Amino acid sequence: MRTSSSKNAGSGRAHVARMSAGFCAGLLLALPALGADNEAAVFPNRPVRLIVAFAPGGASDIIARLIALKLSEKWKQTVVVDNRPGASGIIGSEYLAKAPKDGYTFGINSVTQTIIPSMTPKMPYELVKDFTPLSLAANVPLLITVGGSPKTANVRTLADFVALAKAQPKHLAYGSGGTGTQGHLAVELFRAAVNIDVVHVPYKGGGPAVSDVIGGQVDFIFANAPEVTGFISANRMRALAATSAKRLPGLPNVPTVAESVSGFEVVQWYAFWGPAGLPRAITQKLNAEIAYAIAQPDIKSRFEEMGMEAASSSSEALDKLQRSELVRWGGVVKSLGLAVPQ
């Protein structure tokens, strides 16, 4: 016959067993988080790869190399800039989407990420599902520039350019960093606004396109400011107008497009992403380190010299921005008749 004390003892042992099982289960659930926190505490303890989805010389490449240098100095680890151009940034972005989810590979791209899904029938990834937003990097206006083409030798103002384009439809060709990049969409918006007909020549990045404008192989470009400010200062290119709302401090004599085409404004943003599934602690560490680099006085000064505005953000803010921009640019692409059936 079981006594009251034995019953209590058995009940106590069962209670302890249940507590032990619960404690162990809780500990097991906590282990992954503890592991991620430990990884973040020592991150990075080996070289890091920064993927640039466009060719060297473009704005994304310029921003990446400036930030990589600053992060290398702080981390005492090499940050390798890895250019993987092609297909308007899709090739490099697909590589990033498939990278290990440990923070040692992250990448830079631009608003182009939110444009091309409406223009490409079969994307190999989905922006919202296949990447971890890390931080904004910069806001960058475009500059309408001409170079070595004999067709634009006498073009000195935006009015000259529009008059020439209207007088000879399909006579002028423009370069861009690729189909679906903002340099492409900005020209299409401008073309529709002033009723001109020009020919598009896509490249694997802004750098190669700028080189061919200088060489006269193509006639003009809506280029990201940092890609051309040095060439403008060296008198190898002429800036006709800026797509920002206000004139750029470094180019006060260059008018804005809005001064002659009311309401016209296009500013490209650049940002950093990692592959989907990055541990939260690693995401927060990368976000903080990127923000640190962007906030350094020498980086901000260099950005400003090239016509860029430094603009870090939280991961959540970048996620909200990319979702809204997918909708916005999808509408613009459709309105311009550039959408491809999915």
C-alpha atoms as a PDB file:
ATOM      1  CA  MET A   1       0.000   0.000   0.000  1.00  0.00           C
ATOM      2  CA  ARG A   2       1.437   3.404  -1.066  1.00  0.00           C
ATOM      3  CA  THR A   3       1.694   5.938   1.732  1.00  0.00           C
ATOM      4  CA  SER A   4       0.935   9.633   1.391  1.00  0.00           C
ATOM      5  CA  SER A   5       4.638  10.462   1.622  1.00  0.00           C
ATOM      6  CA  SER A   6       5.497   8.025  -1.158  1.00  0.00           C
ATOM      7  CA  LYS A   7       2.813   9.543  -3.307  1.00  0.00           C
ATOM      8  CA  ASN A   8       4.262  13.008  -2.673  1.00  0.00           C
ATOM      9  CA  ALA A   9       7.756  11.755  -3.408  1.00  0.00           C
ATOM     10  CA  GLY A  10       6.626  10.192  -6.676  1.00  0.00           C
ATOM     11  CA  SER A  11       4.794  13.346  -7.608  1.00  0.00           C
ATOM     12  CA  GLY A  12       7.878  15.385  -6.780  1.00  0.00           C
ATOM     13  CA  ARG A  13      10.096  13.176  -8.929  1.00  0.00           C
ATOM     14  CA  ALA A  14       7.631  13.485 -11.823  1.00  0.00           C
ATOM     15  CA  HIS A  15       7.556  17.260 -11.368  1.00  0.00           C
ATOM     16  CA  VAL A  16      11.345  17.420 -11.364  1.00  0.00           C
ATOM     17  CA  ALA A  17      11.427  15.223 -14.459  1.00  0.00           C
ATOM     18  CA  ARG A  18       8.982  17.494 -16.234  1.00  0.00           C
ATOM     19  CA  MET A  19      10.993  20.543 -15.205  1.00  0.00           C
ATOM     20  CA  SER A  20      14.200  18.922 -16.412  1.00  0.00           C
ATOM     21  CA  ALA A  21      12.651  18.019 -19.746  1.00  0.00           C
ATOM     22  CA  GLY A  22      11.302  21.521 -20.146  1.00  0.00           C
ATOM     23  CA  PHE A  23      14.633  23.048 -19.189  1.00  0.00           C
ATOM     24  CA  CYS A  24      16.485  20.866 -21.699  1.00  0.00           C
ATOM     25  CA  ALA A  25      14.003  21.676 -24.453  1.00  0.00           C
ATOM     26  CA  GLY A  26      14.349  25.384 -23.738  1.00  0.00           C
ATOM     27  CA  LEU A  27      18.117  25.098 -23.734  1.00  0.00           C
ATOM     28  CA  LEU A  28      18.099  23.299 -27.071  1.00  0.00           C
ATOM     29  CA  LEU A  29      15.900  26.008 -28.576  1.00  0.00           C
ATOM     30  CA  ALA A  30      18.249  28.676 -27.271  1.00  0.00           C
ATOM     31  CA  LEU A  31      21.422  27.058 -28.595  1.00  0.00           C
ATOM     32  CA  PRO A  32      21.070  28.288 -32.223  1.00  0.00           C
ATOM     33  CA  ALA A  33      20.528  31.849 -31.015  1.00  0.00           C
ATOM     34  CA  LEU A  34      23.498  31.587 -28.672  1.00  0.00           C
ATOM     35  CA  GLY A  35      25.590  30.231 -31.531  1.00  0.00           C
ATOM     36  CA  ALA A  36      24.597  33.122 -33.829  1.00  0.00           C
ATOM     37  CA  ASP A  37      25.388  35.636 -31.095  1.00  0.00           C
ATOM     38  CA  ASN A  38      28.800  34.071 -30.583  1.00  0.00           C
ATOM     39  CA  GLU A  39      29.441  34.111 -34.330  1.00  0.00           C
ATOM     40  CA  ALA A  40      28.452  37.784 -34.495  1.00  0.00           C
ATOM     41  CA  ALA A  41      30.764  38.599 -31.583  1.00  0.00           C
ATOM     42  CA  VAL A  42      33.818  37.339 -33.491  1.00  0.00           C
ATOM     43  CA  PHE A  43      32.587  38.294 -36.989  1.00  0.00           C
ATOM     44  CA  PRO A  44      34.548  38.636 -39.179  1.00  0.00           C
ATOM     45  CA  ASN A  45      37.520  36.436 -38.358  1.00  0.00           C
ATOM     46  CA  ARG A  46      38.437  35.736 -41.987  1.00  0.00           C
ATOM     47  CA  PRO A  47      38.235  37.596 -45.358  1.00  0.00           C
ATOM     48  CA  VAL A  48      34.838  38.869 -46.533  1.00  0.00           C
ATOM     49  CA  ARG A  49      33.569  39.028 -50.129  1.00  0.00           C
ATOM     50  CA  LEU A  50      31.563  42.016 -51.393  1.00  0.00           C
ATOM     51  CA  ILE A  51      29.703  41.202 -54.621  1.00  0.00           C
ATOM     52  CA  VAL A  52      29.211  43.993 -57.173  1.00  0.00           C
ATOM     53  CA  ALA A  53      26.659  43.045 -59.822  1.00  0.00           C
ATOM     54  CA  PHE A  54      28.072  45.456 -62.412  1.00  0.00           C
ATOM     55  CA  ALA A  55      31.385  46.088 -64.154  1.00  0.00           C
ATOM     56  CA  PRO A  56      34.221  48.121 -62.578  1.00  0.00           C
ATOM     57  CA  GLY A  57      33.979  51.893 -62.889  1.00  0.00           C
ATOM     58  CA  GLY A  58      30.252  52.241 -62.245  1.00  0.00           C
ATOM     59  CA  ALA A  59      28.629  53.836 -59.200  1.00  0.00           C
ATOM     60  CA  SER A  60      28.024  50.533 -57.405  1.00  0.00           C
ATOM     61  CA  ASP A  61      31.678  49.604 -57.886  1.00  0.00           C
ATOM     62  CA  ILE A  62      32.872  53.008 -56.660  1.00  0.00           C
ATOM     63  CA  ILE A  63      30.686  52.850 -53.544  1.00  0.00           C
ATOM     64  CA  ALA A  64      31.663  49.237 -52.859  1.00  0.00           C
ATOM     65  CA  ARG A  65      35.395  49.950 -53.001  1.00  0.00           C
ATOM     66  CA  LEU A  66      35.134  52.966 -50.688  1.00  0.00           C
ATOM     67  CA  ILE A  67      33.098  51.036 -48.118  1.00  0.00           C
ATOM     68  CA  ALA A  68      35.244  47.891 -48.473  1.00  0.00           C
ATOM     69  CA  LEU A  69      38.379  49.889 -47.691  1.00  0.00           C
ATOM     70  CA  LYS A  70      36.827  51.388 -44.573  1.00  0.00           C
ATOM     71  CA  LEU A  71      35.513  48.025 -43.342  1.00  0.00           C
ATOM     72  CA  SER A  72      38.890  46.367 -43.984  1.00  0.00           C
ATOM     73  CA  GLU A  73      40.573  49.004 -41.826  1.00  0.00           C
ATOM     74  CA  LYS A  74      38.099  48.516 -38.972  1.00  0.00           C
ATOM     75  CA  TRP A  75      37.887  44.721 -39.097  1.00  0.00           C
ATOM     76  CA  LYS A  76      41.580  44.062 -39.782  1.00  0.00           C
ATOM     77  CA  GLN A  77      40.314  41.634 -42.402  1.00  0.00           C
ATOM     78  CA  THR A  78      40.423  41.850 -46.192  1.00  0.00           C
ATOM     79  CA  VAL A  79      37.147  42.774 -47.878  1.00  0.00           C
ATOM     80  CA  VAL A  80      37.439  41.537 -51.467  1.00  0.00           C
ATOM     81  CA  VAL A  81      35.366  43.401 -54.063  1.00  0.00           C
ATOM     82  CA  ASP A  82      34.147  40.784 -56.539  1.00  0.00           C
ATOM     83  CA  ASN A  83      32.648  42.175 -59.786  1.00  0.00           C
ATOM     84  CA  ARG A  84      30.160  39.773 -61.418  1.00  0.00           C
ATOM     85  CA  PRO A  85      28.516  41.827 -64.186  1.00  0.00           C
ATOM     86  CA  GLY A  86      25.906  40.848 -66.720  1.00  0.00           C
ATOM     87  CA  ALA A  87      22.163  40.817 -67.413  1.00  0.00           C
ATOM     88  CA  SER A  88      21.554  44.184 -65.711  1.00  0.00           C
ATOM     89  CA  GLY A  89      22.872  42.904 -62.399  1.00  0.00           C
ATOM     90  CA  ILE A  90      20.995  39.585 -62.423  1.00  0.00           C
ATOM     91  CA  ILE A  91      24.127  37.409 -62.683  1.00  0.00           C
ATOM     92  CA  GLY A  92      25.820  38.915 -59.647  1.00  0.00           C
ATOM     93  CA  SER A  93      22.597  38.981 -57.658  1.00  0.00           C
ATOM     94  CA  GLU A  94      21.855  35.331 -58.396  1.00  0.00           C
ATOM     95  CA  TYR A  95      25.347  34.442 -57.164  1.00  0.00           C
ATOM     96  CA  LEU A  96      24.702  36.392 -53.959  1.00  0.00           C
ATOM     97  CA  ALA A  97      21.325  34.719 -53.419  1.00  0.00           C
ATOM     98  CA  LYS A  98      23.047  31.318 -53.417  1.00  0.00           C
ATOM     99  CA  ALA A  99      25.937  32.340 -51.156  1.00  0.00           C
ATOM    100  CA  PRO A 100      26.443  30.811 -47.683  1.00  0.00           C
ATOM    101  CA  LYS A 101      24.226  32.388 -45.026  1.00  0.00           C
ATOM    102  CA  ASP A 102      27.062  33.386 -42.724  1.00  0.00           C
ATOM    103  CA  GLY A 103      27.679  37.075 -43.527  1.00  0.00           C
ATOM    104  CA  TYR A 104      31.005  36.453 -45.236  1.00  0.00           C
ATOM    105  CA  THR A 105      29.438  37.219 -48.615  1.00  0.00           C
ATOM    106  CA  PHE A 106      27.223  40.257 -49.103  1.00  0.00           C
ATOM    107  CA  GLY A 107      26.629  42.541 -52.040  1.00  0.00           C
ATOM    108  CA  ILE A 108      25.666  45.934 -53.375  1.00  0.00           C
ATOM    109  CA  ASN A 109      23.044  46.732 -55.987  1.00  0.00           C
ATOM    110  CA  SER A 110      20.614  49.529 -56.642  1.00  0.00           C
ATOM    111  CA  VAL A 111      17.021  50.494 -57.320  1.00  0.00           C
ATOM    112  CA  THR A 112      17.533  48.448 -60.501  1.00  0.00           C
ATOM    113  CA  GLN A 113      16.702  45.432 -58.322  1.00  0.00           C
ATOM    114  CA  THR A 114      13.136  46.750 -58.101  1.00  0.00           C
ATOM    115  CA  ILE A 115      12.833  47.584 -61.823  1.00  0.00           C
ATOM    116  CA  ILE A 116      14.024  44.495 -63.681  1.00  0.00           C
ATOM    117  CA  PRO A 117      11.412  42.057 -62.306  1.00  0.00           C
ATOM    118  CA  SER A 118       8.820  43.859 -64.474  1.00  0.00           C
ATOM    119  CA  MET A 119      11.063  43.625 -67.528  1.00  0.00           C
ATOM    120  CA  THR A 120      12.409  40.078 -67.256  1.00  0.00           C
ATOM    121  CA  PRO A 121      10.040  37.153 -67.887  1.00  0.00           C
ATOM    122  CA  LYS A 122      11.855  34.563 -65.755  1.00  0.00           C
ATOM    123  CA  MET A 123      13.886  35.940 -62.882  1.00  0.00           C
ATOM    124  CA  PRO A 124      16.165  33.379 -61.171  1.00  0.00           C
ATOM    125  CA  TYR A 125      15.341  34.883 -57.766  1.00  0.00           C
ATOM    126  CA  GLU A 126      12.797  37.049 -55.942  1.00  0.00           C
ATOM    127  CA  LEU A 127      14.070  40.205 -54.292  1.00  0.00           C
ATOM    128  CA  VAL A 128      11.905  40.031 -51.177  1.00  0.00           C
ATOM    129  CA  LYS A 129      12.253  36.261 -50.596  1.00  0.00           C
ATOM    130  CA  ASP A 130      15.857  35.545 -51.580  1.00  0.00           C
ATOM    131  CA  PHE A 131      17.816  38.366 -49.916  1.00  0.00           C
ATOM    132  CA  THR A 132      18.334  39.871 -46.490  1.00  0.00           C
ATOM    133  CA  PRO A 133      18.190  43.694 -46.617  1.00  0.00           C
ATOM    134  CA  LEU A 134      21.201  45.176 -44.819  1.00  0.00           C
ATOM    135  CA  SER A 135      21.343  48.947 -45.334  1.00  0.00           C
ATOM    136  CA  LEU A 136      20.982  51.759 -47.796  1.00  0.00           C
ATOM    137  CA  ALA A 137      24.281  53.204 -49.000  1.00  0.00           C
ATOM    138  CA  ALA A 138      23.682  56.359 -51.058  1.00  0.00           C
ATOM    139  CA  ASN A 139      21.272  58.446 -53.077  1.00  0.00           C
ATOM    140  CA  VAL A 140      22.726  59.335 -56.458  1.00  0.00           C
ATOM    141  CA  PRO A 141      21.385  61.785 -59.063  1.00  0.00           C
ATOM    142  CA  LEU A 142      22.000  61.247 -62.761  1.00  0.00           C
ATOM    143  CA  LEU A 143      23.782  63.635 -65.121  1.00  0.00           C
ATOM    144  CA  ILE A 144      22.845  63.954 -68.781  1.00  0.00           C
ATOM    145  CA  THR A 145      26.256  64.012 -70.429  1.00  0.00           C
ATOM    146  CA  VAL A 146      27.753  63.991 -73.909  1.00  0.00           C
ATOM    147  CA  GLY A 147      31.323  63.151 -74.888  1.00  0.00           C
ATOM    148  CA  GLY A 148      33.377  62.490 -77.982  1.00  0.00           C
ATOM    149  CA  SER A 149      30.648  61.878 -80.544  1.00  0.00           C
ATOM    150  CA  PRO A 150      30.830  64.248 -83.539  1.00  0.00           C
ATOM    151  CA  LYS A 151      27.010  64.301 -83.537  1.00  0.00           C
ATOM    152  CA  THR A 152      26.984  66.184 -80.227  1.00  0.00           C
ATOM    153  CA  ALA A 153      30.031  68.400 -80.856  1.00  0.00           C
ATOM    154  CA  ASN A 154      27.899  71.542 -80.900  1.00  0.00           C
ATOM    155  CA  VAL A 155      25.543  70.546 -78.099  1.00  0.00           C
ATOM    156  CA  ARG A 156      26.100  72.826 -75.124  1.00  0.00           C
ATOM    157  CA  THR A 157      22.717  72.909 -73.389  1.00  0.00           C
ATOM    158  CA  LEU A 158      19.778  70.611 -72.755  1.00  0.00           C
ATOM    159  CA  ALA A 159      17.774  72.709 -75.208  1.00  0.00           C
ATOM    160  CA  ASP A 160      20.423  72.080 -77.896  1.00  0.00           C
ATOM    161  CA  PHE A 161      20.230  68.366 -77.195  1.00  0.00           C
ATOM    162  CA  VAL A 162      16.428  68.175 -77.400  1.00  0.00           C
ATOM    163  CA  ALA A 163      16.387  70.228 -80.605  1.00  0.00           C
ATOM    164  CA  LEU A 164      18.928  67.900 -82.232  1.00  0.00           C
ATOM    165  CA  ALA A 165      17.052  64.770 -81.143  1.00  0.00           C
ATOM    166  CA  LYS A 166      13.745  66.144 -82.434  1.00  0.00           C
ATOM    167  CA  ALA A 167      15.239  67.222 -85.749  1.00  0.00           C
ATOM    168  CA  GLN A 168      16.709  63.749 -86.396  1.00  0.00           C
ATOM    169  CA  PRO A 169      14.700  60.901 -84.809  1.00  0.00           C
ATOM    170  CA  LYS A 170      16.745  57.766 -84.007  1.00  0.00           C
ATOM    171  CA  HIS A 171      19.892  59.726 -84.889  1.00  0.00           C
ATOM    172  CA  LEU A 172      21.285  59.708 -81.340  1.00  0.00           C
ATOM    173  CA  ALA A 173      22.186  56.579 -79.365  1.00  0.00           C
ATOM    174  CA  TYR A 174      22.586  56.404 -75.617  1.00  0.00           C
ATOM    175  CA  GLY A 175      24.480  54.003 -73.401  1.00  0.00           C
ATOM    176  CA  SER A 176      23.265  52.566 -70.107  1.00  0.00           C
ATOM    177  CA  GLY A 177      24.439  50.124 -67.476  1.00  0.00           C
ATOM    178  CA  GLY A 178      21.934  47.623 -68.850  1.00  0.00           C
ATOM    179  CA  THR A 179      18.290  47.152 -69.745  1.00  0.00           C
ATOM    180  CA  GLY A 180      16.145  47.919 -66.723  1.00  0.00           C
ATOM    181  CA  THR A 181      18.753  50.010 -64.926  1.00  0.00           C
ATOM    182  CA  GLN A 182      17.685  53.437 -63.792  1.00  0.00           C
ATOM    183  CA  GLY A 183      19.948  55.004 -66.418  1.00  0.00           C
ATOM    184  CA  HIS A 184      17.750  53.256 -68.981  1.00  0.00           C
ATOM    185  CA  LEU A 185      14.420  54.115 -67.311  1.00  0.00           C
ATOM    186  CA  ALA A 186      15.433  57.755 -66.774  1.00  0.00           C
ATOM    187  CA  VAL A 187      16.069  58.224 -70.500  1.00  0.00           C
ATOM    188  CA  GLU A 188      12.744  56.580 -71.317  1.00  0.00           C
ATOM    189  CA  LEU A 189      10.929  58.894 -68.898  1.00  0.00           C
ATOM    190  CA  PHE A 190      12.704  61.902 -70.398  1.00  0.00           C
ATOM    191  CA  ARG A 191      12.056  60.711 -73.952  1.00  0.00           C
ATOM    192  CA  ALA A 192       8.349  60.480 -73.216  1.00  0.00           C
ATOM    193  CA  ALA A 193       8.310  63.885 -71.500  1.00  0.00           C
ATOM    194  CA  VAL A 194       9.930  65.822 -74.368  1.00  0.00           C
ATOM    195  CA  ASN A 195       8.801  63.594 -77.267  1.00  0.00           C
ATOM    196  CA  ILE A 196      12.111  62.470 -78.758  1.00  0.00           C
ATOM    197  CA  ASP A 197      13.139  59.144 -80.293  1.00  0.00           C
ATOM    198  CA  VAL A 198      16.608  57.800 -79.424  1.00  0.00           C
ATOM    199  CA  VAL A 199      18.326  54.397 -79.625  1.00  0.00           C
ATOM    200  CA  HIS A 200      19.275  52.376 -76.532  1.00  0.00           C
ATOM    201  CA  VAL A 201      22.645  50.572 -76.309  1.00  0.00           C
ATOM    202  CA  PRO A 202      22.868  48.538 -73.064  1.00  0.00           C
ATOM    203  CA  TYR A 203      26.199  47.631 -71.447  1.00  0.00           C
ATOM    204  CA  LYS A 204      27.268  45.436 -68.527  1.00  0.00           C
ATOM    205  CA  GLY A 205      27.636  48.445 -66.258  1.00  0.00           C
ATOM    206  CA  GLY A 206      27.890  52.216 -66.199  1.00  0.00           C
ATOM    207  CA  GLY A 207      31.690  52.236 -66.467  1.00  0.00           C
ATOM    208  CA  PRO A 208      31.906  50.651 -69.934  1.00  0.00           C
ATOM    209  CA  ALA A 209      29.010  52.805 -71.165  1.00  0.00           C
ATOM    210  CA  VAL A 210      30.717  55.995 -69.989  1.00  0.00           C
ATOM    211  CA  SER A 211      33.943  54.937 -71.727  1.00  0.00           C
ATOM    212  CA  ASP A 212      32.121  54.601 -75.038  1.00  0.00           C
ATOM    213  CA  VAL A 213      30.434  57.993 -74.631  1.00  0.00           C
ATOM    214  CA  ILE A 214      33.873  59.537 -74.114  1.00  0.00           C
ATOM    215  CA  GLY A 215      35.182  57.633 -77.129  1.00  0.00           C
ATOM    216  CA  GLY A 216      32.241  58.685 -79.291  1.00  0.00           C
ATOM    217  CA  GLN A 217      30.886  55.170 -79.918  1.00  0.00           C
ATOM    218  CA  VAL A 218      27.567  56.280 -78.403  1.00  0.00           C
ATOM    219  CA  ASP A 219      26.295  59.832 -78.205  1.00  0.00           C
ATOM    220  CA  PHE A 220      25.063  60.441 -74.668  1.00  0.00           C
ATOM    221  CA  ILE A 221      24.237  58.890 -71.320  1.00  0.00           C
ATOM    222  CA  PHE A 222      22.142  59.541 -68.241  1.00  0.00           C
ATOM    223  CA  ALA A 223      25.019  58.580 -65.949  1.00  0.00           C
ATOM    224  CA  ASN A 224      25.225  58.266 -62.193  1.00  0.00           C
ATOM    225  CA  ALA A 225      27.044  61.366 -60.978  1.00  0.00           C
ATOM    226  CA  PRO A 226      30.130  59.596 -59.540  1.00  0.00           C
ATOM    227  CA  GLU A 227      30.740  57.843 -62.845  1.00  0.00           C
ATOM    228  CA  VAL A 228      31.275  61.107 -64.735  1.00  0.00           C
ATOM    229  CA  THR A 229      32.177  63.974 -62.387  1.00  0.00           C
ATOM    230  CA  GLY A 230      35.911  63.355 -62.836  1.00  0.00           C
ATOM    231  CA  PHE A 231      35.587  63.294 -66.629  1.00  0.00           C
ATOM    232  CA  ILE A 232      33.514  66.477 -66.553  1.00  0.00           C
ATOM    233  CA  SER A 233      36.201  68.225 -64.472  1.00  0.00           C
ATOM    234  CA  ALA A 234      38.821  67.035 -66.970  1.00  0.00           C
ATOM    235  CA  ASN A 235      36.725  68.410 -69.883  1.00  0.00           C
ATOM    236  CA  ARG A 236      36.346  64.968 -71.422  1.00  0.00           C
ATOM    237  CA  MET A 237      32.569  65.087 -71.029  1.00  0.00           C
ATOM    238  CA  ARG A 238      29.981  67.881 -70.883  1.00  0.00           C
ATOM    239  CA  ALA A 239      27.135  67.847 -68.383  1.00  0.00           C
ATOM    240  CA  LEU A 240      23.888  69.221 -69.796  1.00  0.00           C
ATOM    241  CA  ALA A 241      21.601  68.747 -66.805  1.00  0.00           C
ATOM    242  CA  ALA A 242      21.127  66.911 -63.502  1.00  0.00           C
ATOM    243  CA  THR A 243      18.079  64.802 -62.691  1.00  0.00           C
ATOM    244  CA  SER A 244      18.015  65.903 -59.035  1.00  0.00           C
ATOM    245  CA  ALA A 245      15.471  68.371 -57.636  1.00  0.00           C
ATOM    246  CA  LYS A 246      18.240  70.896 -56.923  1.00  0.00           C
ATOM    247  CA  ARG A 247      21.542  71.719 -58.585  1.00  0.00           C
ATOM    248  CA  LEU A 248      24.496  69.731 -57.308  1.00  0.00           C
ATOM    249  CA  PRO A 249      26.837  71.681 -54.975  1.00  0.00           C
ATOM    250  CA  GLY A 250      29.868  70.454 -56.912  1.00  0.00           C
ATOM    251  CA  LEU A 251      28.369  71.475 -60.282  1.00  0.00           C
ATOM    252  CA  PRO A 252      26.476  74.712 -59.537  1.00  0.00           C
ATOM    253  CA  ASN A 253      26.502  75.802 -63.206  1.00  0.00           C
ATOM    254  CA  VAL A 254      24.762  72.638 -64.392  1.00  0.00           C
ATOM    255  CA  PRO A 255      20.979  73.166 -64.420  1.00  0.00           C
ATOM    256  CA  THR A 256      18.464  70.538 -63.386  1.00  0.00           C
ATOM    257  CA  VAL A 257      16.157  68.895 -65.911  1.00  0.00           C
ATOM    258  CA  ALA A 258      13.264  70.204 -63.807  1.00  0.00           C
ATOM    259  CA  GLU A 259      14.241  73.773 -64.703  1.00  0.00           C
ATOM    260  CA  SER A 260      13.006  73.084 -68.233  1.00  0.00           C
ATOM    261  CA  VAL A 261      10.804  69.982 -67.761  1.00  0.00           C
ATOM    262  CA  SER A 262       8.580  70.698 -64.774  1.00  0.00           C
ATOM    263  CA  GLY A 263       8.494  68.016 -62.103  1.00  0.00           C
ATOM    264  CA  PHE A 264      11.163  65.780 -63.633  1.00  0.00           C
ATOM    265  CA  GLU A 265      13.272  64.138 -60.938  1.00  0.00           C
ATOM    266  CA  VAL A 266      15.080  60.785 -60.876  1.00  0.00           C
ATOM    267  CA  VAL A 267      17.471  59.854 -58.077  1.00  0.00           C
ATOM    268  CA  GLN A 268      18.968  56.389 -57.901  1.00  0.00           C
ATOM    269  CA  TRP A 269      19.561  54.672 -54.579  1.00  0.00           C
ATOM    270  CA  TYR A 270      22.148  52.009 -53.779  1.00  0.00           C
ATOM    271  CA  ALA A 271      21.981  49.446 -50.996  1.00  0.00           C
ATOM    272  CA  PHE A 272      23.588  46.371 -49.496  1.00  0.00           C
ATOM    273  CA  TRP A 273      21.967  42.937 -49.280  1.00  0.00           C
ATOM    274  CA  GLY A 274      22.961  39.495 -48.032  1.00  0.00           C
ATOM    275  CA  PRO A 275      21.485  36.123 -48.964  1.00  0.00           C
ATOM    276  CA  ALA A 276      18.144  35.242 -47.347  1.00  0.00           C
ATOM    277  CA  GLY A 277      18.330  33.555 -43.979  1.00  0.00           C
ATOM    278  CA  LEU A 278      21.212  35.498 -42.435  1.00  0.00           C
ATOM    279  CA  PRO A 279      21.112  35.134 -38.640  1.00  0.00           C
ATOM    280  CA  ARG A 280      19.603  38.195 -37.020  1.00  0.00           C
ATOM    281  CA  ALA A 281      22.760  38.876 -35.006  1.00  0.00           C
ATOM    282  CA  ILE A 282      24.904  38.834 -38.167  1.00  0.00           C
ATOM    283  CA  THR A 283      22.426  41.099 -39.981  1.00  0.00           C
ATOM    284  CA  GLN A 284      22.560  43.589 -37.118  1.00  0.00           C
ATOM    285  CA  LYS A 285      26.365  43.446 -37.038  1.00  0.00           C
ATOM    286  CA  LEU A 286      26.668  44.109 -40.777  1.00  0.00           C
ATOM    287  CA  ASN A 287      24.085  46.879 -40.603  1.00  0.00           C
ATOM    288  CA  ALA A 288      25.968  48.621 -37.808  1.00  0.00           C
ATOM    289  CA  GLU A 289      29.352  48.246 -39.512  1.00  0.00           C
ATOM    290  CA  ILE A 290      28.071  49.542 -42.857  1.00  0.00           C
ATOM    291  CA  ALA A 291      26.472  52.524 -41.107  1.00  0.00           C
ATOM    292  CA  TYR A 292      29.791  53.175 -39.349  1.00  0.00           C
ATOM    293  CA  ALA A 293      31.681  53.179 -42.654  1.00  0.00           C
ATOM    294  CA  ILE A 294      29.190  55.452 -44.418  1.00  0.00           C
ATOM    295  CA  ALA A 295      29.226  57.928 -41.512  1.00  0.00           C
ATOM    296  CA  GLN A 296      32.994  58.451 -41.553  1.00  0.00           C
ATOM    297  CA  PRO A 297      33.837  62.060 -42.481  1.00  0.00           C
ATOM    298  CA  ASP A 298      36.240  61.110 -45.260  1.00  0.00           C
ATOM    299  CA  ILE A 299      33.653  58.789 -46.854  1.00  0.00           C
ATOM    300  CA  LYS A 300      30.872  61.392 -46.630  1.00  0.00           C
ATOM    301  CA  SER A 301      33.208  64.018 -48.088  1.00  0.00           C
ATOM    302  CA  ARG A 302      34.210  61.739 -50.966  1.00  0.00           C
ATOM    303  CA  PHE A 303      30.569  60.929 -51.678  1.00  0.00           C
ATOM    304  CA  GLU A 304      29.696  64.633 -51.790  1.00  0.00           C
ATOM    305  CA  GLU A 305      32.596  65.395 -54.136  1.00  0.00           C
ATOM    306  CA  MET A 306      31.131  62.898 -56.595  1.00  0.00           C
ATOM    307  CA  GLY A 307      27.569  64.189 -56.279  1.00  0.00           C
ATOM    308  CA  MET A 308      26.300  61.432 -53.970  1.00  0.00           C
ATOM    309  CA  GLU A 309      24.418  61.676 -50.691  1.00  0.00           C
ATOM    310  CA  ALA A 310      25.411  59.170 -47.990  1.00  0.00           C
ATOM    311  CA  ALA A 311      22.295  57.368 -46.767  1.00  0.00           C
ATOM    312  CA  SER A 312      22.523  54.393 -44.415  1.00  0.00           C
ATOM    313  CA  SER A 313      19.342  52.840 -42.992  1.00  0.00           C
ATOM    314  CA  SER A 314      17.996  50.028 -40.863  1.00  0.00           C
ATOM    315  CA  SER A 315      17.364  46.626 -42.403  1.00  0.00           C
ATOM    316  CA  GLU A 316      13.639  47.142 -41.845  1.00  0.00           C
ATOM    317  CA  ALA A 317      13.640  50.511 -43.621  1.00  0.00           C
ATOM    318  CA  LEU A 318      15.372  49.030 -46.668  1.00  0.00           C
ATOM    319  CA  ASP A 319      12.848  46.185 -46.743  1.00  0.00           C
ATOM    320  CA  LYS A 320       9.968  48.678 -46.692  1.00  0.00           C
ATOM    321  CA  LEU A 321      11.605  50.754 -49.431  1.00  0.00           C
ATOM    322  CA  GLN A 322      12.237  47.815 -51.763  1.00  0.00           C
ATOM    323  CA  ARG A 323       8.640  46.613 -51.432  1.00  0.00           C
ATOM    324  CA  SER A 324       7.224  50.044 -52.279  1.00  0.00           C
ATOM    325  CA  GLU A 325       9.678  50.547 -55.150  1.00  0.00           C
ATOM    326  CA  LEU A 326       8.727  47.212 -56.723  1.00  0.00           C
ATOM    327  CA  VAL A 327       5.180  48.524 -56.997  1.00  0.00           C
ATOM    328  CA  ARG A 328       6.194  52.011 -58.119  1.00  0.00           C
ATOM    329  CA  TRP A 329       8.634  51.002 -60.852  1.00  0.00           C
ATOM    330  CA  GLY A 330       6.397  48.192 -61.996  1.00  0.00           C
ATOM    331  CA  GLY A 331       3.820  50.870 -62.756  1.00  0.00           C
ATOM    332  CA  VAL A 332       6.357  53.074 -64.540  1.00  0.00           C
ATOM    333  CA  VAL A 333       7.600  50.182 -66.685  1.00  0.00           C
ATOM    334  CA  LYS A 334       4.033  49.325 -67.656  1.00  0.00           C
ATOM    335  CA  SER A 335       3.140  52.945 -68.456  1.00  0.00           C
ATOM    336  CA  LEU A 336       6.177  53.245 -70.747  1.00  0.00           C
ATOM    337  CA  GLY A 337       5.229  50.074 -72.592  1.00  0.00           C
ATOM    338  CA  LEU A 338       8.410  48.305 -71.467  1.00  0.00           C
ATOM    339  CA  ALA A 339       6.815  45.518 -69.445  1.00  0.00           C
ATOM    340  CA  VAL A 340       7.409  41.947 -70.557  1.00  0.00           C
ATOM    341  CA  PRO A 341       4.587  39.401 -70.024  1.00  0.00           C
ATOM    342  CA  GLN A 342       5.435  37.153 -67.074  1.00  0.00           C
END
